[in-house]
Amino acid sequence: ERFAAAAAASAGRHDARYRVEALVGLAASVPVADRPGVLRRLAEVCRYGGIALLPRERGLLGDPAAD
């Protein structure tokens, strides 16, 4: 709930990195069925903000190449 609130609160703000962090936390903590929507939003924020996920963030999302 806190990650979802943080992601919603940062919508429209200029600090895209903060929103990325909130969306990564949200994606890592929601049921698998809810992840696709969160991951789409995360991809949009990353693309729009020119942000690449950090290895730790990719690891939280289950990326085996994050090591």
Protein backbone atom coordinates (compact mmCIF):
# COMPACT_ATOMS: atom_id res chain seq x y z
CA GLU A 1 0.00 0.00 0.00
CA ARG A 2 2.83 2.38 0.82
CA PHE A 3 4.58 1.82 -2.51
CA ALA A 4 1.31 2.39 -4.35
CA ALA A 5 0.71 5.60 -2.40
CA ALA A 6 4.24 6.81 -3.10
CA ALA A 7 3.90 6.08 -6.81
CA ALA A 8 0.57 7.90 -6.96
CA ALA A 9 1.87 10.87 -4.96
CA SER A 10 4.84 11.32 -7.29
CA ALA A 11 2.79 11.23 -10.50
CA GLY A 12 3.31 14.39 -12.50
CA ARG A 13 6.33 15.49 -10.51
CA HIS A 14 9.68 16.13 -12.05
CA ASP A 15 11.62 13.60 -9.94
CA ALA A 16 11.10 10.49 -12.06
CA ARG A 17 13.73 8.55 -10.07
CA TYR A 18 11.54 8.74 -6.97
CA ARG A 19 8.59 7.38 -8.92
CA VAL A 20 10.75 4.59 -10.40
CA GLU A 21 11.81 3.52 -6.91
CA ALA A 22 8.19 3.46 -5.74
CA LEU A 23 7.04 1.49 -8.78
CA VAL A 24 9.86 -1.06 -8.36
CA GLY A 25 8.79 -1.56 -4.75
CA LEU A 26 5.17 -1.86 -5.81
CA ALA A 27 5.96 -4.37 -8.57
CA ALA A 28 8.04 -6.46 -6.17
CA SER A 29 5.27 -6.55 -3.57
CA VAL A 30 2.03 -7.04 -5.53
CA PRO A 31 0.55 -10.38 -6.53
CA VAL A 32 1.93 -11.77 -9.80
CA ALA A 33 -1.41 -11.14 -11.54
CA ASP A 34 -1.09 -7.40 -10.84
CA ARG A 35 2.54 -7.04 -11.95
CA PRO A 36 2.03 -6.50 -15.72
CA GLY A 37 0.23 -3.20 -15.22
CA VAL A 38 2.81 -1.95 -12.75
CA LEU A 39 5.65 -3.03 -15.02
CA ARG A 40 4.06 -1.17 -17.93
CA ARG A 41 3.87 2.00 -15.85
CA LEU A 42 7.46 1.48 -14.73
CA ALA A 43 8.65 1.08 -18.31
CA GLU A 44 6.82 4.27 -19.32
CA VAL A 45 8.37 6.29 -16.49
CA CYS A 46 11.83 4.93 -17.29
CA ARG A 47 11.44 5.68 -20.98
CA TYR A 48 10.03 9.17 -20.42
CA GLY A 49 12.63 10.05 -17.78
CA GLY A 50 15.57 8.44 -19.56
CA ILE A 51 16.16 6.25 -16.50
CA ALA A 52 17.78 2.82 -16.42
CA LEU A 53 17.03 0.49 -13.54
CA LEU A 54 19.88 -0.11 -11.12
CA PRO A 55 21.12 -3.70 -10.66
CA ARG A 56 19.45 -3.85 -7.23
CA GLU A 57 16.13 -2.76 -8.73
CA ARG A 58 16.38 -5.30 -11.53
CA GLY A 59 17.14 -7.96 -8.90
CA LEU A 60 14.00 -7.03 -6.95
CA LEU A 61 12.03 -7.60 -10.15
CA GLY A 62 13.55 -11.04 -10.63
CA ASP A 63 16.06 -10.24 -13.39
CA PRO A 64 18.66 -13.05 -13.26
CA ALA A 65 21.18 -10.81 -15.09
CA ALA A 66 21.09 -8.27 -12.25
CA ASP A 67 24.15 -9.72 -10.51
